[in-house]
Each structure stands twice: as C-alpha cells, then as structure tokens.
Amino acid sequence: MVRLGNLALVGLPGEPFVELGLEIKARSTAPHTLVAGYANGYLGYFATPRAWEQGGYEVGLGPWSRVSAEASGRLVEAALSSSKSCGL
C-alpha cells in the first residue's frame, strides 16, 4: 500500500473478487482508496469464502489460481495492516 495525501493505493497480486476490494475500501481510513489487481505478481483468483462454498473454476487450484480458501481473508488483513504503517 502506498499513501499519497488523501489517496491510498493498494496493489494485490492477482484477481480479487469485488467483495474483497470493497472491504478494503470500507475499512481503510484514507478518504480515497484505490484497489488494483494484477499488481506485484500473480497468484490467481482471490475468491470469497462464500464463492469457495459454491464452487467453480475460480476456486479450484490450478494454473489459474494457486491460493486456498483462507487467502482472501489473509489478503485483506495484510493490505489493512500495511495501511497502519502508512498512517491510514
């Protein structure tokens, strides 16, 4: 995460489901938070726990995704914990 005045930029290493980006934005204390996928590498889809329950190719392990069901929560928490060091 990078902070530029009132703007926080969050780069995630894959394709997050929209709910994850919205959670990061909602929990950020920066007036404006921009969440970008496909930054800092590519680990695959970051699906919500509900999506894992429903199934589908985004949540199956393979070349398209190399993360588990717990990855989305860890991703959100990591993004928000780095925001503390940026003063968010």
PDB file of N, CA and C in Angstrom:
ATOM      1  N   MET A   1       0.843  -1.172   0.000  1.00  0.00           N
ATOM      2  CA  MET A   1       0.000   0.000   0.000  1.00  0.00           C
ATOM      3  C   MET A   1       0.886   1.232   0.000  1.00  0.00           C
ATOM      4  N   VAL A   2       0.443   2.207  -0.762  1.00  0.00           N
ATOM      5  CA  VAL A   2       1.152   3.483  -0.838  1.00  0.00           C
ATOM      6  C   VAL A   2       0.156   4.579  -0.511  1.00  0.00           C
ATOM      7  N   ARG A   3       0.587   5.526   0.273  1.00  0.00           N
ATOM      8  CA  ARG A   3      -0.283   6.645   0.645  1.00  0.00           C
ATOM      9  C   ARG A   3       0.256   7.914   0.016  1.00  0.00           C
ATOM     10  N   LEU A   4      -0.608   8.620  -0.702  1.00  0.00           N
ATOM     11  CA  LEU A   4      -0.285   9.912  -1.310  1.00  0.00           C
ATOM     12  C   LEU A   4      -1.351  10.906  -0.865  1.00  0.00           C
ATOM     13  N   GLY A   5      -1.084  11.624   0.195  1.00  0.00           N
ATOM     14  CA  GLY A   5      -2.074  12.559   0.729  1.00  0.00           C
ATOM     15  C   GLY A   5      -3.338  11.833   1.162  1.00  0.00           C
ATOM     16  N   ASN A   6      -4.473  12.170   0.544  1.00  0.00           N
ATOM     17  CA  ASN A   6      -5.752  11.552   0.886  1.00  0.00           C
ATOM     18  C   ASN A   6      -6.017  10.257   0.130  1.00  0.00           C
ATOM     19  N   LEU A   7      -5.067   9.818  -0.693  1.00  0.00           N
ATOM     20  CA  LEU A   7      -5.255   8.644  -1.535  1.00  0.00           C
ATOM     21  C   LEU A   7      -4.390   7.480  -1.052  1.00  0.00           C
ATOM     22  N   ALA A   8      -5.011   6.319  -0.923  1.00  0.00           N
ATOM     23  CA  ALA A   8      -4.283   5.087  -0.621  1.00  0.00           C
ATOM     24  C   ALA A   8      -4.366   4.201  -1.858  1.00  0.00           C
ATOM     25  N   LEU A   9      -3.221   3.693  -2.299  1.00  0.00           N
ATOM     26  CA  LEU A   9      -3.163   2.777  -3.437  1.00  0.00           C
ATOM     27  C   LEU A   9      -2.791   1.395  -2.923  1.00  0.00           C
ATOM     28  N   VAL A  10      -3.627   0.407  -3.230  1.00  0.00           N
ATOM     29  CA  VAL A  10      -3.403  -0.964  -2.783  1.00  0.00           C
ATOM     30  C   VAL A  10      -3.221  -1.847  -4.012  1.00  0.00           C
ATOM     31  N   GLY A  11      -2.079  -2.502  -4.130  1.00  0.00           N
ATOM     32  CA  GLY A  11      -1.814  -3.417  -5.232  1.00  0.00           C
ATOM     33  C   GLY A  11      -1.881  -4.849  -4.743  1.00  0.00           C
ATOM     34  N   LEU A  12      -2.742  -5.664  -5.373  1.00  0.00           N
ATOM     35  CA  LEU A  12      -2.928  -7.048  -4.967  1.00  0.00           C
ATOM     36  C   LEU A  12      -2.364  -7.993  -6.033  1.00  0.00           C
ATOM     37  N   PRO A  13      -1.744  -9.094  -5.613  1.00  0.00           N
ATOM     38  CA  PRO A  13      -1.068  -9.986  -6.561  1.00  0.00           C
ATOM     39  C   PRO A  13      -1.981 -11.020  -7.206  1.00  0.00           C
ATOM     40  N   GLY A  14      -3.012 -10.566  -7.858  1.00  0.00           N
ATOM     41  CA  GLY A  14      -3.940 -11.472  -8.521  1.00  0.00           C
ATOM     42  C   GLY A  14      -5.246 -10.767  -8.805  1.00  0.00           C
ATOM     43  N   GLU A  15      -6.299 -11.562  -9.012  1.00  0.00           N
ATOM     44  CA  GLU A  15      -7.613 -11.004  -9.319  1.00  0.00           C
ATOM     45  C   GLU A  15      -8.542 -11.198  -8.124  1.00  0.00           C
ATOM     46  N   PRO A  16      -8.767 -10.143  -7.342  1.00  0.00           N
ATOM     47  CA  PRO A  16      -9.649 -10.265  -6.185  1.00  0.00           C
ATOM     48  C   PRO A  16     -11.112 -10.185  -6.603  1.00  0.00           C
ATOM     49  N   PHE A  17     -11.952 -10.946  -5.941  1.00  0.00           N
ATOM     50  CA  PHE A  17     -13.388 -10.776  -6.126  1.00  0.00           C
ATOM     51  C   PHE A  17     -13.740  -9.383  -5.624  1.00  0.00           C
ATOM     52  N   VAL A  18     -14.745  -8.789  -6.215  1.00  0.00           N
ATOM     53  CA  VAL A  18     -15.091  -7.395  -5.920  1.00  0.00           C
ATOM     54  C   VAL A  18     -15.360  -7.168  -4.434  1.00  0.00           C
ATOM     55  N   GLU A  19     -15.914  -8.157  -3.768  1.00  0.00           N
ATOM     56  CA  GLU A  19     -16.219  -8.006  -2.343  1.00  0.00           C
ATOM     57  C   GLU A  19     -14.969  -7.710  -1.518  1.00  0.00           C
ATOM     58  N   LEU A  20     -13.833  -8.261  -1.936  1.00  0.00           N
ATOM     59  CA  LEU A  20     -12.592  -8.038  -1.190  1.00  0.00           C
ATOM     60  C   LEU A  20     -12.097  -6.612  -1.360  1.00  0.00           C
ATOM     61  N   GLY A  21     -12.147  -6.106  -2.582  1.00  0.00           N
ATOM     62  CA  GLY A  21     -11.767  -4.718  -2.815  1.00  0.00           C
ATOM     63  C   GLY A  21     -12.673  -3.755  -2.073  1.00  0.00           C
ATOM     64  N   LEU A  22     -13.972  -4.063  -2.061  1.00  0.00           N
ATOM     65  CA  LEU A  22     -14.919  -3.202  -1.342  1.00  0.00           C
ATOM     66  C   LEU A  22     -14.676  -3.233   0.160  1.00  0.00           C
ATOM     67  N   GLU A  23     -14.305  -4.398   0.690  1.00  0.00           N
ATOM     68  CA  GLU A  23     -13.999  -4.479   2.127  1.00  0.00           C
ATOM     69  C   GLU A  23     -12.760  -3.660   2.472  1.00  0.00           C
ATOM     70  N   ILE A  24     -11.734  -3.750   1.647  1.00  0.00           N
ATOM     71  CA  ILE A  24     -10.521  -2.962   1.891  1.00  0.00           C
ATOM     72  C   ILE A  24     -10.862  -1.474   1.869  1.00  0.00           C
ATOM     73  N   LYS A  25     -11.622  -1.062   0.877  1.00  0.00           N
ATOM     74  CA  LYS A  25     -12.001   0.352   0.769  1.00  0.00           C
ATOM     75  C   LYS A  25     -12.838   0.789   1.973  1.00  0.00           C
ATOM     76  N   ALA A  26     -13.772  -0.054   2.402  1.00  0.00           N
ATOM     77  CA  ALA A  26     -14.642   0.299   3.527  1.00  0.00           C
ATOM     78  C   ALA A  26     -13.881   0.403   4.839  1.00  0.00           C
ATOM     79  N   ARG A  27     -12.884  -0.439   5.027  1.00  0.00           N
ATOM     80  CA  ARG A  27     -12.138  -0.453   6.278  1.00  0.00           C
ATOM     81  C   ARG A  27     -10.946   0.496   6.290  1.00  0.00           C
ATOM     82  N   SER A  28     -10.576   1.030   5.142  1.00  0.00           N
ATOM     83  CA  SER A  28      -9.466   1.980   5.074  1.00  0.00           C
ATOM     84  C   SER A  28      -9.911   3.311   5.674  1.00  0.00           C
ATOM     85  N   THR A  29      -9.004   3.958   6.365  1.00  0.00           N
ATOM     86  CA  THR A  29      -9.336   5.279   6.918  1.00  0.00           C
ATOM     87  C   THR A  29      -8.932   6.400   5.971  1.00  0.00           C
ATOM     88  N   ALA A  30      -8.335   6.045   4.837  1.00  0.00           N
ATOM     89  CA  ALA A  30      -7.999   7.066   3.837  1.00  0.00           C
ATOM     90  C   ALA A  30      -9.289   7.543   3.170  1.00  0.00           C
ATOM     91  N   PRO A  31      -9.438   8.825   2.926  1.00  0.00           N
ATOM     92  CA  PRO A  31     -10.642   9.323   2.264  1.00  0.00           C
ATOM     93  C   PRO A  31     -10.888   8.676   0.902  1.00  0.00           C
ATOM     94  N   HIS A  32      -9.822   8.324   0.202  1.00  0.00           N
ATOM     95  CA  HIS A  32      -9.938   7.697  -1.112  1.00  0.00           C
ATOM     96  C   HIS A  32      -8.975   6.516  -1.160  1.00  0.00           C
ATOM     97  N   THR A  33      -9.499   5.338  -1.474  1.00  0.00           N
ATOM     98  CA  THR A  33      -8.675   4.138  -1.566  1.00  0.00           C
ATOM     99  C   THR A  33      -8.929   3.478  -2.910  1.00  0.00           C
ATOM    100  N   LEU A  34      -7.860   3.209  -3.630  1.00  0.00           N
ATOM    101  CA  LEU A  34      -7.935   2.556  -4.930  1.00  0.00           C
ATOM    102  C   LEU A  34      -7.283   1.186  -4.804  1.00  0.00           C
ATOM    103  N   VAL A  35      -8.051   0.157  -5.142  1.00  0.00           N
ATOM    104  CA  VAL A  35      -7.560  -1.218  -5.076  1.00  0.00           C
ATOM    105  C   VAL A  35      -7.349  -1.713  -6.499  1.00  0.00           C
ATOM    106  N   ALA A  36      -6.134  -2.189  -6.786  1.00  0.00           N
ATOM    107  CA  ALA A  36      -5.802  -2.665  -8.125  1.00  0.00           C
ATOM    108  C   ALA A  36      -5.335  -4.108  -8.072  1.00  0.00           C
ATOM    109  N   GLY A  37      -5.910  -4.937  -8.924  1.00  0.00           N
ATOM    110  CA  GLY A  37      -5.480  -6.315  -9.058  1.00  0.00           C
ATOM    111  C   GLY A  37      -4.356  -6.417 -10.075  1.00  0.00           C
ATOM    112  N   TYR A  38      -3.798  -7.604 -10.185  1.00  0.00           N
ATOM    113  CA  TYR A  38      -2.710  -7.886 -11.124  1.00  0.00           C
ATOM    114  C   TYR A  38      -1.489  -7.014 -10.863  1.00  0.00           C
ATOM    115  N   ALA A  39      -1.233  -6.685  -9.612  1.00  0.00           N
ATOM    116  CA  ALA A  39      -0.067  -5.890  -9.234  1.00  0.00           C
ATOM    117  C   ALA A  39       0.821  -6.760  -8.336  1.00  0.00           C
ATOM    118  N   ASN A  40       2.093  -6.565  -8.418  1.00  0.00           N
ATOM    119  CA  ASN A  40       3.043  -7.285  -7.555  1.00  0.00           C
ATOM    120  C   ASN A  40       2.997  -8.792  -7.770  1.00  0.00           C
ATOM    121  N   GLY A  41       2.863  -9.244  -9.001  1.00  0.00           N
ATOM    122  CA  GLY A  41       2.848 -10.673  -9.294  1.00  0.00           C
ATOM    123  C   GLY A  41       1.445 -11.183  -9.556  1.00  0.00           C
ATOM    124  N   TYR A  42       1.328 -12.496  -9.732  1.00  0.00           N
ATOM    125  CA  TYR A  42       0.023 -13.101  -9.969  1.00  0.00           C
ATOM    126  C   TYR A  42      -0.058 -14.452  -9.273  1.00  0.00           C
ATOM    127  N   LEU A  43      -0.944 -14.547  -8.295  1.00  0.00           N
ATOM    128  CA  LEU A  43      -1.180 -15.800  -7.590  1.00  0.00           C
ATOM    129  C   LEU A  43      -2.505 -16.425  -7.981  1.00  0.00           C
ATOM    130  N   GLY A  44      -3.321 -15.723  -8.737  1.00  0.00           N
ATOM    131  CA  GLY A  44      -4.597 -16.277  -9.182  1.00  0.00           C
ATOM    132  C   GLY A  44      -5.775 -15.478  -8.660  1.00  0.00           C
ATOM    133  N   TYR A  45      -6.910 -16.141  -8.654  1.00  0.00           N
ATOM    134  CA  TYR A  45      -8.141 -15.530  -8.154  1.00  0.00           C
ATOM    135  C   TYR A  45      -8.135 -15.534  -6.634  1.00  0.00           C
ATOM    136  N   PHE A  46      -8.571 -14.433  -6.047  1.00  0.00           N
ATOM    137  CA  PHE A  46      -8.797 -14.362  -4.608  1.00  0.00           C
ATOM    138  C   PHE A  46     -10.304 -14.326  -4.407  1.00  0.00           C
ATOM    139  N   ALA A  47     -10.868 -15.485  -4.124  1.00  0.00           N
ATOM    140  CA  ALA A  47     -12.315 -15.633  -4.003  1.00  0.00           C
ATOM    141  C   ALA A  47     -12.753 -15.489  -2.549  1.00  0.00           C
ATOM    142  N   THR A  48     -13.998 -15.133  -2.367  1.00  0.00           N
ATOM    143  CA  THR A  48     -14.574 -15.032  -1.025  1.00  0.00           C
ATOM    144  C   THR A  48     -14.833 -16.437  -0.477  1.00  0.00           C
ATOM    145  N   PRO A  49     -14.963 -16.570   0.842  1.00  0.00           N
ATOM    146  CA  PRO A  49     -15.312 -17.883   1.409  1.00  0.00           C
ATOM    147  C   PRO A  49     -16.632 -18.422   0.833  1.00  0.00           C
ATOM    148  N   ARG A  50     -17.581 -17.552   0.593  1.00  0.00           N
ATOM    149  CA  ARG A  50     -18.861 -17.992   0.012  1.00  0.00           C
ATOM    150  C   ARG A  50     -18.654 -18.579  -1.386  1.00  0.00           C
ATOM    151  N   ALA A  51     -17.796 -17.965  -2.174  1.00  0.00           N
ATOM    152  CA  ALA A  51     -17.513 -18.484  -3.513  1.00  0.00           C
ATOM    153  C   ALA A  51     -16.872 -19.867  -3.429  1.00  0.00           C
ATOM    154  N   TRP A  52     -16.022 -20.085  -2.435  1.00  0.00           N
ATOM    155  CA  TRP A  52     -15.421 -21.413  -2.266  1.00  0.00           C
ATOM    156  C   TRP A  52     -16.495 -22.445  -1.967  1.00  0.00           C
ATOM    157  N   GLU A  53     -17.496 -22.062  -1.174  1.00  0.00           N
ATOM    158  CA  GLU A  53     -18.592 -22.981  -0.871  1.00  0.00           C
ATOM    159  C   GLU A  53     -19.402 -23.306  -2.116  1.00  0.00           C
ATOM    160  N   GLN A  54     -19.594 -22.315  -2.987  1.00  0.00           N
ATOM    161  CA  GLN A  54     -20.395 -22.501  -4.183  1.00  0.00           C
ATOM    162  C   GLN A  54     -19.655 -23.275  -5.270  1.00  0.00           C
ATOM    163  N   GLY A  55     -18.333 -23.209  -5.287  1.00  0.00           N
ATOM    164  CA  GLY A  55     -17.542 -23.911  -6.287  1.00  0.00           C
ATOM    165  C   GLY A  55     -17.383 -23.103  -7.562  1.00  0.00           C
ATOM    166  N   GLY A  56     -16.685 -23.678  -8.525  1.00  0.00           N
ATOM    167  CA  GLY A  56     -16.426 -23.009  -9.788  1.00  0.00           C
ATOM    168  C   GLY A  56     -14.939 -23.022 -10.094  1.00  0.00           C
ATOM    169  N   TYR A  57     -14.582 -22.664 -11.311  1.00  0.00           N
ATOM    170  CA  TYR A  57     -13.172 -22.763 -11.693  1.00  0.00           C
ATOM    171  C   TYR A  57     -12.294 -21.751 -10.975  1.00  0.00           C
ATOM    172  N   GLU A  58     -12.845 -20.618 -10.558  1.00  0.00           N
ATOM    173  CA  GLU A  58     -12.016 -19.617  -9.887  1.00  0.00           C
ATOM    174  C   GLU A  58     -11.478 -20.121  -8.550  1.00  0.00           C
ATOM    175  N   VAL A  59     -12.193 -21.054  -7.929  1.00  0.00           N
ATOM    176  CA  VAL A  59     -11.809 -21.516  -6.599  1.00  0.00           C
ATOM    177  C   VAL A  59     -11.096 -22.857  -6.625  1.00  0.00           C
ATOM    178  N   GLY A  60     -10.933 -23.433  -7.773  1.00  0.00           N
ATOM    179  CA  GLY A  60     -10.184 -24.677  -7.870  1.00  0.00           C
ATOM    180  C   GLY A  60      -8.708 -24.377  -8.042  1.00  0.00           C
ATOM    181  N   LEU A  61      -7.875 -25.182  -7.430  1.00  0.00           N
ATOM    182  CA  LEU A  61      -6.437 -24.982  -7.564  1.00  0.00           C
ATOM    183  C   LEU A  61      -5.990 -25.421  -8.955  1.00  0.00           C
ATOM    184  N   GLY A  62      -5.119 -24.650  -9.540  1.00  0.00           N
ATOM    185  CA  GLY A  62      -4.606 -24.930 -10.873  1.00  0.00           C
ATOM    186  C   GLY A  62      -3.795 -23.750 -11.352  1.00  0.00           C
ATOM    187  N   PRO A  63      -3.474 -23.700 -12.637  1.00  0.00           N
ATOM    188  CA  PRO A  63      -2.682 -22.583 -13.160  1.00  0.00           C
ATOM    189  C   PRO A  63      -3.398 -21.240 -13.013  1.00  0.00           C
ATOM    190  N   TRP A  64      -4.701 -21.251 -12.933  1.00  0.00           N
ATOM    191  CA  TRP A  64      -5.486 -20.022 -12.828  1.00  0.00           C
ATOM    192  C   TRP A  64      -5.573 -19.528 -11.392  1.00  0.00           C
ATOM    193  N   SER A  65      -5.273 -20.381 -10.421  1.00  0.00           N
ATOM    194  CA  SER A  65      -5.315 -19.955  -9.021  1.00  0.00           C
ATOM    195  C   SER A  65      -4.456 -20.879  -8.178  1.00  0.00           C
ATOM    196  N   ARG A  66      -3.547 -20.276  -7.415  1.00  0.00           N
ATOM    197  CA  ARG A  66      -2.640 -21.054  -6.573  1.00  0.00           C
ATOM    198  C   ARG A  66      -2.833 -20.721  -5.095  1.00  0.00           C
ATOM    199  N   VAL A  67      -4.042 -20.312  -4.734  1.00  0.00           N
ATOM    200  CA  VAL A  67      -4.308 -19.937  -3.339  1.00  0.00           C
ATOM    201  C   VAL A  67      -5.488 -20.732  -2.799  1.00  0.00           C
ATOM    202  N   SER A  68      -5.571 -20.815  -1.481  1.00  0.00           N
ATOM    203  CA  SER A  68      -6.627 -21.578  -0.817  1.00  0.00           C
ATOM    204  C   SER A  68      -7.780 -20.677  -0.396  1.00  0.00           C
ATOM    205  N   ALA A  69      -8.754 -21.293   0.237  1.00  0.00           N
ATOM    206  CA  ALA A  69      -9.941 -20.564   0.692  1.00  0.00           C
ATOM    207  C   ALA A  69      -9.597 -19.483   1.718  1.00  0.00           C
ATOM    208  N   GLU A  70      -8.537 -19.675   2.483  1.00  0.00           N
ATOM    209  CA  GLU A  70      -8.158 -18.709   3.519  1.00  0.00           C
ATOM    210  C   GLU A  70      -7.422 -17.500   2.954  1.00  0.00           C
ATOM    211  N   ALA A  71      -7.023 -17.557   1.716  1.00  0.00           N
ATOM    212  CA  ALA A  71      -6.192 -16.499   1.128  1.00  0.00           C
ATOM    213  C   ALA A  71      -6.876 -15.145   1.100  1.00  0.00           C
ATOM    214  N   SER A  72      -8.176 -15.115   0.842  1.00  0.00           N
ATOM    215  CA  SER A  72      -8.852 -13.814   0.722  1.00  0.00           C
ATOM    216  C   SER A  72      -8.823 -13.045   2.038  1.00  0.00           C
ATOM    217  N   GLY A  73      -9.087 -13.718   3.147  1.00  0.00           N
ATOM    218  CA  GLY A  73      -9.043 -13.051   4.442  1.00  0.00           C
ATOM    219  C   GLY A  73      -7.646 -12.567   4.788  1.00  0.00           C
ATOM    220  N   ARG A  74      -6.654 -13.384   4.472  1.00  0.00           N
ATOM    221  CA  ARG A  74      -5.263 -13.000   4.732  1.00  0.00           C
ATOM    222  C   ARG A  74      -4.852 -11.811   3.869  1.00  0.00           C
ATOM    223  N   LEU A  75      -5.324 -11.808   2.639  1.00  0.00           N
ATOM    224  CA  LEU A  75      -5.008 -10.714   1.726  1.00  0.00           C
ATOM    225  C   LEU A  75      -5.567  -9.387   2.248  1.00  0.00           C
ATOM    226  N   VAL A  76      -6.832  -9.403   2.656  1.00  0.00           N
ATOM    227  CA  VAL A  76      -7.472  -8.186   3.180  1.00  0.00           C
ATOM    228  C   VAL A  76      -6.742  -7.710   4.431  1.00  0.00           C
ATOM    229  N   GLU A  77      -6.464  -8.623   5.345  1.00  0.00           N
ATOM    230  CA  GLU A  77      -5.793  -8.233   6.590  1.00  0.00           C
ATOM    231  C   GLU A  77      -4.390  -7.707   6.321  1.00  0.00           C
ATOM    232  N   ALA A  78      -3.672  -8.322   5.388  1.00  0.00           N
ATOM    233  CA  ALA A  78      -2.324  -7.842   5.053  1.00  0.00           C
ATOM    234  C   ALA A  78      -2.375  -6.449   4.465  1.00  0.00           C
ATOM    235  N   ALA A  79      -3.344  -6.203   3.602  1.00  0.00           N
ATOM    236  CA  ALA A  79      -3.487  -4.867   2.998  1.00  0.00           C
ATOM    237  C   ALA A  79      -3.791  -3.835   4.067  1.00  0.00           C
ATOM    238  N   LEU A  80      -4.661  -4.174   4.998  1.00  0.00           N
ATOM    239  CA  LEU A  80      -5.034  -3.220   6.041  1.00  0.00           C
ATOM    240  C   LEU A  80      -3.944  -3.058   7.082  1.00  0.00           C
ATOM    241  N   SER A  81      -3.181  -4.112   7.369  1.00  0.00           N
ATOM    242  CA  SER A  81      -2.094  -3.956   8.348  1.00  0.00           C
ATOM    243  C   SER A  81      -0.976  -3.104   7.760  1.00  0.00           C
ATOM    244  N   SER A  82      -0.762  -3.186   6.442  1.00  0.00           N
ATOM    245  CA  SER A  82       0.249  -2.317   5.841  1.00  0.00           C
ATOM    246  C   SER A  82      -0.227  -0.885   5.825  1.00  0.00           C
ATOM    247  N   SER A  83      -1.539  -0.696   5.882  1.00  0.00           N
ATOM    248  CA  SER A  83      -2.062   0.671   5.897  1.00  0.00           C
ATOM    249  C   SER A  83      -1.740   1.358   7.223  1.00  0.00           C
ATOM    250  N   LYS A  84      -1.627   0.598   8.287  1.00  0.00           N
ATOM    251  CA  LYS A  84      -1.278   1.195   9.581  1.00  0.00           C
ATOM    252  C   LYS A  84       0.117   1.805   9.536  1.00  0.00           C
ATOM    253  N   SER A  85       1.026   1.132   8.834  1.00  0.00           N
ATOM    254  CA  SER A  85       2.375   1.679   8.754  1.00  0.00           C
ATOM    255  C   SER A  85       2.425   2.901   7.843  1.00  0.00           C
ATOM    256  N   CYS A  86       1.374   3.074   7.023  1.00  0.00           N
ATOM    257  CA  CYS A  86       1.301   4.257   6.147  1.00  0.00           C
ATOM    258  C   CYS A  86       0.500   5.377   6.791  1.00  0.00           C
ATOM    259  N   GLY A  87      -0.011   5.145   8.007  1.00  0.00           N
ATOM    260  CA  GLY A  87      -0.775   6.170   8.691  1.00  0.00           C
ATOM    261  C   GLY A  87      -2.213   6.266   8.236  1.00  0.00           C
ATOM    262  N   LEU A  88      -2.800   5.141   7.796  1.00  0.00           N
ATOM    263  CA  LEU A  88      -4.208   5.176   7.347  1.00  0.00           C
ATOM    264  C   LEU A  88      -5.146   4.971   8.498  1.00  0.00           C
TER     265      LEU A  88
END
